[in-house]
Amino acid sequence: MQVIIGQVVAWLLLVLGLSYIANTAMWLRVVRDAMAEPTRYFFMVILTLVLGLLIIATHNVWVADWPVVVTLLGWILAVKSALFLLFPQVMGIFSGWTDRFMTTWIRAGGLLLVMLGAILVYRSIYG
């Protein structure tokens, strides 16, 4: 089960990262919309909480190797989602950011996710 979870997370990171890079304007609108109306995103946040908890429950691997990245991502998803559900006003932190600055962060995040996803996909295929 751990291998499957690791592979799914690897591909998810790769595709999500490519989406951030290819559709930056769309992701910027999502972020702006979430700041304006955070309750519209509760269902999505609940799904990311469930994903994080599933990763923690099935892939709670603490080793000095690549599998720990999946475990850390599970914890990050779970904690971030829980904080958003408990404190939806936290999105206001980003309200002062300009569109240009946010676009830069979305693209940088996309690049990071692509690199991490590609490494994890490669490791899941070739060991």
C-alpha atoms as a PDB file:
ATOM      1  CA  MET A   1       0.000   0.000   0.000  1.00  0.00           C
ATOM      2  CA  GLN A   2       2.885   2.375   0.786  1.00  0.00           C
ATOM      3  CA  VAL A   3       4.264   1.985  -2.732  1.00  0.00           C
ATOM      4  CA  ILE A   4       0.894   2.837  -4.296  1.00  0.00           C
ATOM      5  CA  ILE A   5       0.429   5.899  -2.079  1.00  0.00           C
ATOM      6  CA  GLY A   6       3.961   7.036  -2.933  1.00  0.00           C
ATOM      7  CA  GLN A   7       3.342   6.633  -6.666  1.00  0.00           C
ATOM      8  CA  VAL A   8       0.008   8.474  -6.544  1.00  0.00           C
ATOM      9  CA  VAL A   9       1.550  11.363  -4.595  1.00  0.00           C
ATOM     10  CA  ALA A  10       4.512  11.499  -7.004  1.00  0.00           C
ATOM     11  CA  TRP A  11       2.263  11.785 -10.065  1.00  0.00           C
ATOM     12  CA  LEU A  12      -0.037  14.227  -8.278  1.00  0.00           C
ATOM     13  CA  LEU A  13       2.903  16.529  -7.518  1.00  0.00           C
ATOM     14  CA  LEU A  14       4.162  16.332 -11.088  1.00  0.00           C
ATOM     15  CA  VAL A  15       0.796  17.102 -12.682  1.00  0.00           C
ATOM     16  CA  LEU A  16      -0.093  19.791 -10.138  1.00  0.00           C
ATOM     17  CA  GLY A  17       3.280  21.472 -10.649  1.00  0.00           C
ATOM     18  CA  LEU A  18       2.841  21.446 -14.431  1.00  0.00           C
ATOM     19  CA  SER A  19      -0.632  22.918 -13.948  1.00  0.00           C
ATOM     20  CA  TYR A  20       0.775  25.740 -11.773  1.00  0.00           C
ATOM     21  CA  ILE A  21       3.254  26.590 -14.540  1.00  0.00           C
ATOM     22  CA  ALA A  22       0.896  26.167 -17.520  1.00  0.00           C
ATOM     23  CA  ASN A  23      -2.177  27.757 -15.906  1.00  0.00           C
ATOM     24  CA  THR A  24      -0.704  30.361 -13.576  1.00  0.00           C
ATOM     25  CA  ALA A  25      -3.466  32.897 -14.290  1.00  0.00           C
ATOM     26  CA  MET A  26      -6.141  30.346 -13.368  1.00  0.00           C
ATOM     27  CA  TRP A  27      -4.374  29.503 -10.077  1.00  0.00           C
ATOM     28  CA  LEU A  28      -4.041  33.205  -9.315  1.00  0.00           C
ATOM     29  CA  ARG A  29      -7.824  33.549  -9.745  1.00  0.00           C
ATOM     30  CA  VAL A  30      -8.346  30.541  -7.451  1.00  0.00           C
ATOM     31  CA  VAL A  31      -6.196  32.134  -4.747  1.00  0.00           C
ATOM     32  CA  ARG A  32      -7.886  35.541  -5.100  1.00  0.00           C
ATOM     33  CA  ASP A  33     -11.303  33.873  -5.020  1.00  0.00           C
ATOM     34  CA  ALA A  34     -10.362  31.853  -1.931  1.00  0.00           C
ATOM     35  CA  MET A  35      -9.303  35.067  -0.175  1.00  0.00           C
ATOM     36  CA  ALA A  36     -12.578  36.761  -1.061  1.00  0.00           C
ATOM     37  CA  GLU A  37     -14.834  33.791  -0.258  1.00  0.00           C
ATOM     38  CA  PRO A  38     -12.970  31.132   1.796  1.00  0.00           C
ATOM     39  CA  THR A  39     -16.100  29.135   2.617  1.00  0.00           C
ATOM     40  CA  ARG A  40     -16.508  28.241  -1.075  1.00  0.00           C
ATOM     41  CA  TYR A  41     -13.364  26.135  -0.731  1.00  0.00           C
ATOM     42  CA  PHE A  42     -14.293  24.175   2.402  1.00  0.00           C
ATOM     43  CA  PHE A  43     -15.164  21.044   0.420  1.00  0.00           C
ATOM     44  CA  MET A  44     -11.804  21.121  -1.366  1.00  0.00           C
ATOM     45  CA  VAL A  45     -10.029  21.672   1.953  1.00  0.00           C
ATOM     46  CA  ILE A  46     -11.897  18.732   3.493  1.00  0.00           C
ATOM     47  CA  LEU A  47     -10.713  16.573   0.578  1.00  0.00           C
ATOM     48  CA  THR A  48      -7.101  17.669   1.080  1.00  0.00           C
ATOM     49  CA  LEU A  49      -7.461  16.941   4.795  1.00  0.00           C
ATOM     50  CA  VAL A  50      -8.690  13.440   3.967  1.00  0.00           C
ATOM     51  CA  LEU A  51      -5.803  12.956   1.511  1.00  0.00           C
ATOM     52  CA  GLY A  52      -3.286  14.102   4.115  1.00  0.00           C
ATOM     53  CA  LEU A  53      -4.780  11.809   6.761  1.00  0.00           C
ATOM     54  CA  LEU A  54      -4.810   8.863   4.326  1.00  0.00           C
ATOM     55  CA  ILE A  55      -1.140   9.436   3.573  1.00  0.00           C
ATOM     56  CA  ILE A  56      -0.340   9.642   7.286  1.00  0.00           C
ATOM     57  CA  ALA A  57      -2.333   6.478   8.042  1.00  0.00           C
ATOM     58  CA  THR A  58      -0.875   4.393   5.208  1.00  0.00           C
ATOM     59  CA  HIS A  59       2.530   5.918   4.544  1.00  0.00           C
ATOM     60  CA  ASN A  60       3.874   7.109   7.880  1.00  0.00           C
ATOM     61  CA  VAL A  61       7.469   6.260   6.974  1.00  0.00           C
ATOM     62  CA  TRP A  62      10.241   8.077   8.839  1.00  0.00           C
ATOM     63  CA  VAL A  63      13.497   7.098   7.145  1.00  0.00           C
ATOM     64  CA  ALA A  64      16.453   9.076   5.838  1.00  0.00           C
ATOM     65  CA  ASP A  65      15.394   8.495   2.225  1.00  0.00           C
ATOM     66  CA  TRP A  66      12.851   9.675  -0.353  1.00  0.00           C
ATOM     67  CA  PRO A  67       9.792   7.936   1.178  1.00  0.00           C
ATOM     68  CA  VAL A  68       9.894  10.457   4.033  1.00  0.00           C
ATOM     69  CA  VAL A  69       8.994  13.188   1.505  1.00  0.00           C
ATOM     70  CA  VAL A  70       5.584  11.576   0.976  1.00  0.00           C
ATOM     71  CA  THR A  71       5.072  11.315   4.732  1.00  0.00           C
ATOM     72  CA  LEU A  72       6.014  14.971   5.215  1.00  0.00           C
ATOM     73  CA  LEU A  73       3.623  16.005   2.452  1.00  0.00           C
ATOM     74  CA  GLY A  74       0.838  14.078   4.182  1.00  0.00           C
ATOM     75  CA  TRP A  75       1.514  15.921   7.426  1.00  0.00           C
ATOM     76  CA  ILE A  76       1.719  19.274   5.642  1.00  0.00           C
ATOM     77  CA  LEU A  77      -1.601  18.648   3.876  1.00  0.00           C
ATOM     78  CA  ALA A  78      -3.312  17.560   7.085  1.00  0.00           C
ATOM     79  CA  VAL A  79      -2.033  20.433   9.219  1.00  0.00           C
ATOM     80  CA  LYS A  80      -2.595  23.097   6.550  1.00  0.00           C
ATOM     81  CA  SER A  81      -6.133  21.862   5.872  1.00  0.00           C
ATOM     82  CA  ALA A  82      -6.996  21.660   9.562  1.00  0.00           C
ATOM     83  CA  LEU A  83      -5.717  25.202  10.121  1.00  0.00           C
ATOM     84  CA  PHE A  84      -7.730  26.492   7.171  1.00  0.00           C
ATOM     85  CA  LEU A  85     -10.894  24.789   8.454  1.00  0.00           C
ATOM     86  CA  LEU A  86     -10.379  26.135  11.960  1.00  0.00           C
ATOM     87  CA  PHE A  87      -9.176  29.600  10.916  1.00  0.00           C
ATOM     88  CA  PRO A  88     -10.451  30.441   7.388  1.00  0.00           C
ATOM     89  CA  GLN A  89      -9.464  34.083   7.847  1.00  0.00           C
ATOM     90  CA  VAL A  90      -5.837  32.985   7.464  1.00  0.00           C
ATOM     91  CA  MET A  91      -6.190  33.542   3.707  1.00  0.00           C
ATOM     92  CA  GLY A  92      -6.221  37.262   4.488  1.00  0.00           C
ATOM     93  CA  ILE A  93      -2.466  37.039   5.048  1.00  0.00           C
ATOM     94  CA  PHE A  94      -2.017  37.037   1.285  1.00  0.00           C
ATOM     95  CA  SER A  95      -4.417  39.898   0.533  1.00  0.00           C
ATOM     96  CA  GLY A  96      -1.611  42.468   0.401  1.00  0.00           C
ATOM     97  CA  TRP A  97       0.369  40.513  -2.173  1.00  0.00           C
ATOM     98  CA  THR A  98       0.332  41.911  -5.698  1.00  0.00           C
ATOM     99  CA  ASP A  99      -0.751  39.735  -8.592  1.00  0.00           C
ATOM    100  CA  ARG A 100       2.788  39.864  -9.974  1.00  0.00           C
ATOM    101  CA  PHE A 101       4.295  38.696  -6.680  1.00  0.00           C
ATOM    102  CA  MET A 102       1.712  35.897  -6.330  1.00  0.00           C
ATOM    103  CA  THR A 103       2.271  34.835  -9.929  1.00  0.00           C
ATOM    104  CA  THR A 104       5.986  34.505  -9.211  1.00  0.00           C
ATOM    105  CA  TRP A 105       5.275  32.338  -6.150  1.00  0.00           C
ATOM    106  CA  ILE A 106       2.790  30.159  -8.048  1.00  0.00           C
ATOM    107  CA  ARG A 107       5.322  29.524 -10.815  1.00  0.00           C
ATOM    108  CA  ALA A 108       8.154  28.903  -8.331  1.00  0.00           C
ATOM    109  CA  GLY A 109       5.920  26.491  -6.436  1.00  0.00           C
ATOM    110  CA  GLY A 110       5.058  24.784  -9.710  1.00  0.00           C
ATOM    111  CA  LEU A 111       8.724  24.387 -10.576  1.00  0.00           C
ATOM    112  CA  LEU A 112       9.447  22.944  -7.132  1.00  0.00           C
ATOM    113  CA  LEU A 113       6.523  20.505  -7.437  1.00  0.00           C
ATOM    114  CA  VAL A 114       7.617  19.429 -10.939  1.00  0.00           C
ATOM    115  CA  MET A 115      11.158  18.734  -9.771  1.00  0.00           C
ATOM    116  CA  LEU A 116      10.034  16.894  -6.635  1.00  0.00           C
ATOM    117  CA  GLY A 117       7.311  15.003  -8.521  1.00  0.00           C
ATOM    118  CA  ALA A 118       9.726  13.994 -11.298  1.00  0.00           C
ATOM    119  CA  ILE A 119      12.270  12.698  -8.782  1.00  0.00           C
ATOM    120  CA  LEU A 120       9.608  10.727  -6.910  1.00  0.00           C
ATOM    121  CA  VAL A 121       8.083   9.342 -10.132  1.00  0.00           C
ATOM    122  CA  TYR A 122      11.548   8.264 -11.298  1.00  0.00           C
ATOM    123  CA  ARG A 123      12.271   6.654  -7.899  1.00  0.00           C
ATOM    124  CA  SER A 124       8.906   4.887  -7.882  1.00  0.00           C
ATOM    125  CA  ILE A 125       9.550   3.419 -11.350  1.00  0.00           C
ATOM    126  CA  TYR A 126      13.262   2.645 -11.171  1.00  0.00           C
ATOM    127  CA  GLY A 127      13.646   2.168  -7.434  1.00  0.00           C
END
